[in-house]
PDB file of N, CA and C in Angstrom:
ATOM      1  N   MET A   1       0.860  -1.172   0.000  1.00  0.00           N
ATOM      2  CA  MET A   1       0.000   0.000   0.000  1.00  0.00           C
ATOM      3  C   MET A   1       0.905   1.233   0.000  1.00  0.00           C
ATOM      4  N   ILE A   2       0.552   2.209  -0.810  1.00  0.00           N
ATOM      5  CA  ILE A   2       1.329   3.439  -0.801  1.00  0.00           C
ATOM      6  C   ILE A   2       0.742   4.399   0.228  1.00  0.00           C
ATOM      7  N   GLU A   3       1.506   5.425   0.547  1.00  0.00           N
ATOM      8  CA  GLU A   3       1.145   6.311   1.659  1.00  0.00           C
ATOM      9  C   GLU A   3      -0.239   6.932   1.516  1.00  0.00           C
ATOM     10  N   ASN A   4      -0.572   7.427   0.323  1.00  0.00           N
ATOM     11  CA  ASN A   4      -1.882   8.079   0.192  1.00  0.00           C
ATOM     12  C   ASN A   4      -3.028   7.087   0.388  1.00  0.00           C
ATOM     13  N   GLU A   5      -2.828   5.832  -0.004  1.00  0.00           N
ATOM     14  CA  GLU A   5      -3.849   4.810   0.238  1.00  0.00           C
ATOM     15  C   GLU A   5      -3.979   4.512   1.726  1.00  0.00           C
ATOM     16  N   ALA A   6      -2.856   4.501   2.440  1.00  0.00           N
ATOM     17  CA  ALA A   6      -2.878   4.249   3.885  1.00  0.00           C
ATOM     18  C   ALA A   6      -3.598   5.382   4.615  1.00  0.00           C
ATOM     19  N   ILE A   7      -3.345   6.614   4.199  1.00  0.00           N
ATOM     20  CA  ILE A   7      -4.016   7.758   4.823  1.00  0.00           C
ATOM     21  C   ILE A   7      -5.521   7.687   4.588  1.00  0.00           C
ATOM     22  N   ALA A   8      -5.919   7.409   3.355  1.00  0.00           N
ATOM     23  CA  ALA A   8      -7.352   7.299   3.040  1.00  0.00           C
ATOM     24  C   ALA A   8      -7.993   6.158   3.826  1.00  0.00           C
ATOM     25  N   ALA A   9      -7.313   5.025   3.905  1.00  0.00           N
ATOM     26  CA  ALA A   9      -7.852   3.874   4.641  1.00  0.00           C
ATOM     27  C   ALA A   9      -7.997   4.202   6.119  1.00  0.00           C
ATOM     28  N   ARG A  10      -7.027   4.924   6.675  1.00  0.00           N
ATOM     29  CA  ARG A  10      -7.096   5.277   8.106  1.00  0.00           C
ATOM     30  C   ARG A  10      -8.246   6.241   8.370  1.00  0.00           C
ATOM     31  N   ILE A  11      -8.427   7.217   7.507  1.00  0.00           N
ATOM     32  CA  ILE A  11      -9.547   8.152   7.677  1.00  0.00           C
ATOM     33  C   ILE A  11     -10.870   7.390   7.580  1.00  0.00           C
ATOM     34  N   ARG A  12     -10.976   6.516   6.602  1.00  0.00           N
ATOM     35  CA  ARG A  12     -12.192   5.708   6.439  1.00  0.00           C
ATOM     36  C   ARG A  12     -12.456   4.886   7.700  1.00  0.00           C
ATOM     37  N   GLU A  13     -11.398   4.247   8.207  1.00  0.00           N
ATOM     38  CA  GLU A  13     -11.504   3.424   9.413  1.00  0.00           C
ATOM     39  C   GLU A  13     -11.971   4.252  10.615  1.00  0.00           C
ATOM     40  N   LEU A  14     -11.370   5.422  10.807  1.00  0.00           N
ATOM     41  CA  LEU A  14     -11.734   6.271  11.939  1.00  0.00           C
ATOM     42  C   LEU A  14     -13.146   6.836  11.795  1.00  0.00           C
ATOM     43  N   CYS A  15     -13.548   7.164  10.576  1.00  0.00           N
ATOM     44  CA  CYS A  15     -14.919   7.648  10.360  1.00  0.00           C
ATOM     45  C   CYS A  15     -15.923   6.555  10.700  1.00  0.00           C
ATOM     46  N   GLU A  16     -15.623   5.331  10.288  1.00  0.00           N
ATOM     47  CA  GLU A  16     -16.519   4.216  10.609  1.00  0.00           C
ATOM     48  C   GLU A  16     -16.606   4.000  12.116  1.00  0.00           C
ATOM     49  N   GLN A  17     -15.466   4.071  12.806  1.00  0.00           N
ATOM     50  CA  GLN A  17     -15.452   3.889  14.257  1.00  0.00           C
ATOM     51  C   GLN A  17     -16.275   4.966  14.964  1.00  0.00           C
ATOM     52  N   ASN A  18     -16.273   6.162  14.396  1.00  0.00           N
ATOM     53  CA  ASN A  18     -16.983   7.286  15.006  1.00  0.00           C
ATOM     54  C   ASN A  18     -18.334   7.567  14.364  1.00  0.00           C
ATOM     55  N   ASN A  19     -18.753   6.660  13.460  1.00  0.00           N
ATOM     56  CA  ASN A  19     -20.036   6.796  12.783  1.00  0.00           C
ATOM     57  C   ASN A  19     -20.181   8.163  12.109  1.00  0.00           C
ATOM     58  N   LEU A  20     -19.125   8.557  11.368  1.00  0.00           N
ATOM     59  CA  LEU A  20     -19.115   9.844  10.681  1.00  0.00           C
ATOM     60  C   LEU A  20     -19.083   9.637   9.172  1.00  0.00           C
ATOM     61  N   THR A  21     -19.805  10.454   8.463  1.00  0.00           N
ATOM     62  CA  THR A  21     -19.696  10.494   7.007  1.00  0.00           C
ATOM     63  C   THR A  21     -18.579  11.468   6.643  1.00  0.00           C
ATOM     64  N   GLN A  22     -18.193  11.464   5.386  1.00  0.00           N
ATOM     65  CA  GLN A  22     -17.210  12.454   4.931  1.00  0.00           C
ATOM     66  C   GLN A  22     -17.739  13.871   5.165  1.00  0.00           C
ATOM     67  N   TYR A  23     -19.012  14.055   4.911  1.00  0.00           N
ATOM     68  CA  TYR A  23     -19.608  15.379   5.103  1.00  0.00           C
ATOM     69  C   TYR A  23     -19.529  15.797   6.573  1.00  0.00           C
ATOM     70  N   ALA A  24     -19.860  14.876   7.481  1.00  0.00           N
ATOM     71  CA  ALA A  24     -19.796  15.199   8.912  1.00  0.00           C
ATOM     72  C   ALA A  24     -18.368  15.500   9.337  1.00  0.00           C
ATOM     73  N   LEU A  25     -17.412  14.740   8.824  1.00  0.00           N
ATOM     74  CA  LEU A  25     -16.008  15.013   9.142  1.00  0.00           C
ATOM     75  C   LEU A  25     -15.600  16.376   8.606  1.00  0.00           C
ATOM     76  N   SER A  26     -16.058  16.714   7.432  1.00  0.00           N
ATOM     77  CA  SER A  26     -15.775  18.021   6.856  1.00  0.00           C
ATOM     78  C   SER A  26     -16.304  19.136   7.758  1.00  0.00           C
ATOM     79  N   MET A  27     -17.514  18.978   8.234  1.00  0.00           N
ATOM     80  CA  MET A  27     -18.122  19.991   9.103  1.00  0.00           C
ATOM     81  C   MET A  27     -17.382  20.099  10.439  1.00  0.00           C
ATOM     82  N   LYS A  28     -16.975  18.961  11.002  1.00  0.00           N
ATOM     83  CA  LYS A  28     -16.299  18.968  12.304  1.00  0.00           C
ATOM     84  C   LYS A  28     -14.856  19.454  12.211  1.00  0.00           C
ATOM     85  N   SER A  29     -14.198  19.168  11.085  1.00  0.00           N
ATOM     86  CA  SER A  29     -12.777  19.477  10.971  1.00  0.00           C
ATOM     87  C   SER A  29     -12.489  20.802  10.276  1.00  0.00           C
ATOM     88  N   GLY A  30     -13.433  21.258   9.477  1.00  0.00           N
ATOM     89  CA  GLY A  30     -13.201  22.463   8.691  1.00  0.00           C
ATOM     90  C   GLY A  30     -12.461  22.192   7.391  1.00  0.00           C
ATOM     91  N   VAL A  31     -12.148  20.936   7.126  1.00  0.00           N
ATOM     92  CA  VAL A  31     -11.504  20.558   5.865  1.00  0.00           C
ATOM     93  C   VAL A  31     -12.603  20.481   4.803  1.00  0.00           C
ATOM     94  N   PRO A  32     -12.443  21.206   3.701  1.00  0.00           N
ATOM     95  CA  PRO A  32     -13.497  21.206   2.684  1.00  0.00           C
ATOM     96  C   PRO A  32     -13.838  19.802   2.188  1.00  0.00           C
ATOM     97  N   GLN A  33     -15.104  19.600   1.880  1.00  0.00           N
ATOM     98  CA  GLN A  33     -15.585  18.319   1.363  1.00  0.00           C
ATOM     99  C   GLN A  33     -14.784  17.907   0.127  1.00  0.00           C
ATOM    100  N   SER A  34     -14.475  18.869  -0.734  1.00  0.00           N
ATOM    101  CA  SER A  34     -13.727  18.551  -1.956  1.00  0.00           C
ATOM    102  C   SER A  34     -12.324  18.032  -1.637  1.00  0.00           C
ATOM    103  N   THR A  35     -11.706  18.576  -0.596  1.00  0.00           N
ATOM    104  CA  THR A  35     -10.385  18.107  -0.180  1.00  0.00           C
ATOM    105  C   THR A  35     -10.478  16.688   0.357  1.00  0.00           C
ATOM    106  N   LEU A  36     -11.474  16.431   1.202  1.00  0.00           N
ATOM    107  CA  LEU A  36     -11.655  15.074   1.724  1.00  0.00           C
ATOM    108  C   LEU A  36     -11.923  14.088   0.595  1.00  0.00           C
ATOM    109  N   SER A  37     -12.701  14.486  -0.374  1.00  0.00           N
ATOM    110  CA  SER A  37     -12.992  13.616  -1.510  1.00  0.00           C
ATOM    111  C   SER A  37     -11.717  13.287  -2.288  1.00  0.00           C
ATOM    112  N   THR A  38     -10.857  14.272  -2.470  1.00  0.00           N
ATOM    113  CA  THR A  38      -9.576  14.055  -3.143  1.00  0.00           C
ATOM    114  C   THR A  38      -8.705  13.106  -2.342  1.00  0.00           C
ATOM    115  N   ILE A  39      -8.686  13.273  -1.029  1.00  0.00           N
ATOM    116  CA  ILE A  39      -7.905  12.388  -0.169  1.00  0.00           C
ATOM    117  C   ILE A  39      -8.439  10.965  -0.247  1.00  0.00           C
ATOM    118  N   MET A  40      -9.738  10.810  -0.135  1.00  0.00           N
ATOM    119  CA  MET A  40     -10.338   9.485  -0.107  1.00  0.00           C
ATOM    120  C   MET A  40     -10.227   8.754  -1.446  1.00  0.00           C
ATOM    121  N   SER A  41     -10.123   9.483  -2.535  1.00  0.00           N
ATOM    122  CA  SER A  41      -9.971   8.846  -3.841  1.00  0.00           C
ATOM    123  C   SER A  41      -8.501   8.656  -4.213  1.00  0.00           C
ATOM    124  N   CYS A  42      -7.613   9.056  -3.307  1.00  0.00           N
ATOM    125  CA  CYS A  42      -6.158   8.874  -3.487  1.00  0.00           C
ATOM    126  C   CYS A  42      -5.625   9.578  -4.727  1.00  0.00           C
ATOM    127  N   THR A  43      -6.195  10.718  -5.064  1.00  0.00           N
ATOM    128  CA  THR A  43      -5.735  11.446  -6.243  1.00  0.00           C
ATOM    129  C   THR A  43      -4.820  12.609  -5.897  1.00  0.00           C
ATOM    130  N   PHE A  44      -4.346  12.674  -4.648  1.00  0.00           N
ATOM    131  CA  PHE A  44      -3.432  13.739  -4.266  1.00  0.00           C
ATOM    132  C   PHE A  44      -1.994  13.230  -4.351  1.00  0.00           C
ATOM    133  N   GLN A  45      -1.080  14.121  -4.686  1.00  0.00           N
ATOM    134  CA  GLN A  45       0.325  13.760  -4.776  1.00  0.00           C
ATOM    135  C   GLN A  45       0.988  13.801  -3.406  1.00  0.00           C
ATOM    136  N   SER A  46       0.683  14.829  -2.642  1.00  0.00           N
ATOM    137  CA  SER A  46       1.225  14.964  -1.295  1.00  0.00           C
ATOM    138  C   SER A  46       0.219  15.741  -0.461  1.00  0.00           C
ATOM    139  N   MET A  47       0.405  15.661   0.846  1.00  0.00           N
ATOM    140  CA  MET A  47      -0.541  16.328   1.733  1.00  0.00           C
ATOM    141  C   MET A  47       0.225  17.057   2.831  1.00  0.00           C
ATOM    142  N   LYS A  48      -0.234  18.217   3.155  1.00  0.00           N
ATOM    143  CA  LYS A  48       0.366  18.964   4.250  1.00  0.00           C
ATOM    144  C   LYS A  48      -0.085  18.359   5.571  1.00  0.00           C
ATOM    145  N   ILE A  49       0.829  18.333   6.507  1.00  0.00           N
ATOM    146  CA  ILE A  49       0.516  17.795   7.831  1.00  0.00           C
ATOM    147  C   ILE A  49      -0.619  18.601   8.472  1.00  0.00           C
ATOM    148  N   ARG A  50      -0.769  19.840   8.077  1.00  0.00           N
ATOM    149  CA  ARG A  50      -1.835  20.695   8.612  1.00  0.00           C
ATOM    150  C   ARG A  50      -3.216  20.092   8.316  1.00  0.00           C
ATOM    151  N   ILE A  51      -3.383  19.515   7.143  1.00  0.00           N
ATOM    152  CA  ILE A  51      -4.671  18.907   6.797  1.00  0.00           C
ATOM    153  C   ILE A  51      -4.929  17.694   7.684  1.00  0.00           C
ATOM    154  N   ILE A  52      -3.900  16.879   7.878  1.00  0.00           N
ATOM    155  CA  ILE A  52      -4.064  15.721   8.755  1.00  0.00           C
ATOM    156  C   ILE A  52      -4.378  16.186  10.172  1.00  0.00           C
ATOM    157  N   TYR A  53      -3.712  17.248  10.617  1.00  0.00           N
ATOM    158  CA  TYR A  53      -3.983  17.800  11.946  1.00  0.00           C
ATOM    159  C   TYR A  53      -5.444  18.233  12.063  1.00  0.00           C
ATOM    160  N   GLU A  54      -5.958  18.927  11.063  1.00  0.00           N
ATOM    161  CA  GLU A  54      -7.353  19.390  11.096  1.00  0.00           C
ATOM    162  C   GLU A  54      -8.322  18.211  11.098  1.00  0.00           C
ATOM    163  N   ILE A  55      -8.006  17.178  10.322  1.00  0.00           N
ATOM    164  CA  ILE A  55      -8.839  15.977  10.316  1.00  0.00           C
ATOM    165  C   ILE A  55      -8.833  15.344  11.707  1.00  0.00           C
ATOM    166  N   CYS A  56      -7.650  15.284  12.323  1.00  0.00           N
ATOM    167  CA  CYS A  56      -7.548  14.736  13.678  1.00  0.00           C
ATOM    168  C   CYS A  56      -8.354  15.553  14.671  1.00  0.00           C
ATOM    169  N   GLU A  57      -8.332  16.860  14.526  1.00  0.00           N
ATOM    170  CA  GLU A  57      -9.132  17.711  15.401  1.00  0.00           C
ATOM    171  C   GLU A  57     -10.616  17.376  15.253  1.00  0.00           C
ATOM    172  N   GLY A  58     -11.065  17.178  14.035  1.00  0.00           N
ATOM    173  CA  GLY A  58     -12.465  16.816  13.790  1.00  0.00           C
ATOM    174  C   GLY A  58     -12.813  15.456  14.377  1.00  0.00           C
ATOM    175  N   LEU A  59     -11.835  14.551  14.389  1.00  0.00           N
ATOM    176  CA  LEU A  59     -12.043  13.217  14.955  1.00  0.00           C
ATOM    177  C   LEU A  59     -11.783  13.180  16.463  1.00  0.00           C
ATOM    178  N   GLU A  60     -11.323  14.299  16.993  1.00  0.00           N
ATOM    179  CA  GLU A  60     -11.002  14.441  18.412  1.00  0.00           C
ATOM    180  C   GLU A  60      -9.930  13.443  18.858  1.00  0.00           C
ATOM    181  N   ILE A  61      -8.879  13.332  18.010  1.00  0.00           N
ATOM    182  CA  ILE A  61      -7.724  12.490  18.324  1.00  0.00           C
ATOM    183  C   ILE A  61      -6.459  13.287  18.020  1.00  0.00           C
ATOM    184  N   GLY A  62      -5.334  12.796  18.504  1.00  0.00           N
ATOM    185  CA  GLY A  62      -4.059  13.412  18.192  1.00  0.00           C
ATOM    186  C   GLY A  62      -3.442  12.794  16.946  1.00  0.00           C
ATOM    187  N   ILE A  63      -2.460  13.466  16.409  1.00  0.00           N
ATOM    188  CA  ILE A  63      -1.761  12.956  15.232  1.00  0.00           C
ATOM    189  C   ILE A  63      -1.108  11.620  15.541  1.00  0.00           C
ATOM    190  N   LYS A  64      -0.568  11.482  16.741  1.00  0.00           N
ATOM    191  CA  LYS A  64       0.061  10.214  17.121  1.00  0.00           C
ATOM    192  C   LYS A  64      -0.942   9.068  17.027  1.00  0.00           C
ATOM    193  N   GLU A  65      -2.152   9.293  17.507  1.00  0.00           N
ATOM    194  CA  GLU A  65      -3.188   8.257  17.429  1.00  0.00           C
ATOM    195  C   GLU A  65      -3.565   7.964  15.978  1.00  0.00           C
ATOM    196  N   PHE A  66      -3.581   9.004  15.145  1.00  0.00           N
ATOM    197  CA  PHE A  66      -3.904   8.806  13.736  1.00  0.00           C
ATOM    198  C   PHE A  66      -2.920   7.831  13.095  1.00  0.00           C
ATOM    199  N   PHE A  67      -1.631   8.041  13.344  1.00  0.00           N
ATOM    200  CA  PHE A  67      -0.608   7.208  12.709  1.00  0.00           C
ATOM    201  C   PHE A  67      -0.319   5.917  13.476  1.00  0.00           C
ATOM    202  N   ASP A  68      -0.968   5.734  14.619  1.00  0.00           N
ATOM    203  CA  ASP A  68      -0.780   4.510  15.397  1.00  0.00           C
ATOM    204  C   ASP A  68      -1.693   3.416  14.848  1.00  0.00           C
ATOM    205  N   SER A  69      -1.291   2.894  13.708  1.00  0.00           N
ATOM    206  CA  SER A  69      -2.082   1.882  13.008  1.00  0.00           C
ATOM    207  C   SER A  69      -1.131   0.997  12.216  1.00  0.00           C
ATOM    208  N   PRO A  70      -1.454  -0.276  12.105  1.00  0.00           N
ATOM    209  CA  PRO A  70      -0.627  -1.165  11.278  1.00  0.00           C
ATOM    210  C   PRO A  70      -0.513  -0.687   9.826  1.00  0.00           C
ATOM    211  N   LEU A  71      -1.456   0.131   9.383  1.00  0.00           N
ATOM    212  CA  LEU A  71      -1.401   0.654   8.018  1.00  0.00           C
ATOM    213  C   LEU A  71      -0.100   1.395   7.744  1.00  0.00           C
ATOM    214  N   PHE A  72       0.486   2.007   8.786  1.00  0.00           N
ATOM    215  CA  PHE A  72       1.664   2.840   8.604  1.00  0.00           C
ATOM    216  C   PHE A  72       2.969   2.153   8.995  1.00  0.00           C
ATOM    217  N   GLU A  73       2.902   0.865   9.287  1.00  0.00           N
ATOM    218  CA  GLU A  73       4.134   0.137   9.581  1.00  0.00           C
ATOM    219  C   GLU A  73       4.929  -0.032   8.297  1.00  0.00           C
ATOM    220  N   ARG A  74       6.239   0.071   8.419  1.00  0.00           N
ATOM    221  CA  ARG A  74       7.141   0.062   7.271  1.00  0.00           C
ATOM    222  C   ARG A  74       6.855  -1.093   6.308  1.00  0.00           C
ATOM    223  N   GLU A  75       6.638  -2.283   6.840  1.00  0.00           N
ATOM    224  CA  GLU A  75       6.432  -3.439   5.971  1.00  0.00           C
ATOM    225  C   GLU A  75       5.121  -3.380   5.186  1.00  0.00           C
ATOM    226  N   ASN A  76       4.214  -2.503   5.602  1.00  0.00           N
ATOM    227  CA  ASN A  76       2.929  -2.368   4.911  1.00  0.00           C
ATOM    228  C   ASN A  76       2.922  -1.248   3.871  1.00  0.00           C
ATOM    229  N   LEU A  77       3.989  -0.454   3.831  1.00  0.00           N
ATOM    230  CA  LEU A  77       4.071   0.662   2.891  1.00  0.00           C
ATOM    231  C   LEU A  77       5.094   0.351   1.817  1.00  0.00           C
ATOM    232  N   ILE A  78       4.769   0.755   0.601  1.00  0.00           N
ATOM    233  CA  ILE A  78       5.719   0.589  -0.503  1.00  0.00           C
ATOM    234  C   ILE A  78       6.030   1.963  -1.077  1.00  0.00           C
ATOM    235  N   ASP A  79       7.156   2.040  -1.750  1.00  0.00           N
ATOM    236  CA  ASP A  79       7.566   3.297  -2.386  1.00  0.00           C
ATOM    237  C   ASP A  79       6.908   3.472  -3.721  1.00  0.00           C
TER     238      ASP A  79
END
């Protein structure tokens, strides 16, 4: 899995755990719906940590908790 796929999968996983839609996450985090849609479809080249921070704020978690997932373990990521 490449990094953008891991980020999208983690957001999807956290939204499911918190019973949130993309729209609800957008409203809670302040990240535009169009940006979330781009992230979830893995069509972004790179992402600023600020966006991940805002998403974490909407999910009421820290960045450390966001990346604390097997999705981000070295053996699960490819270049």
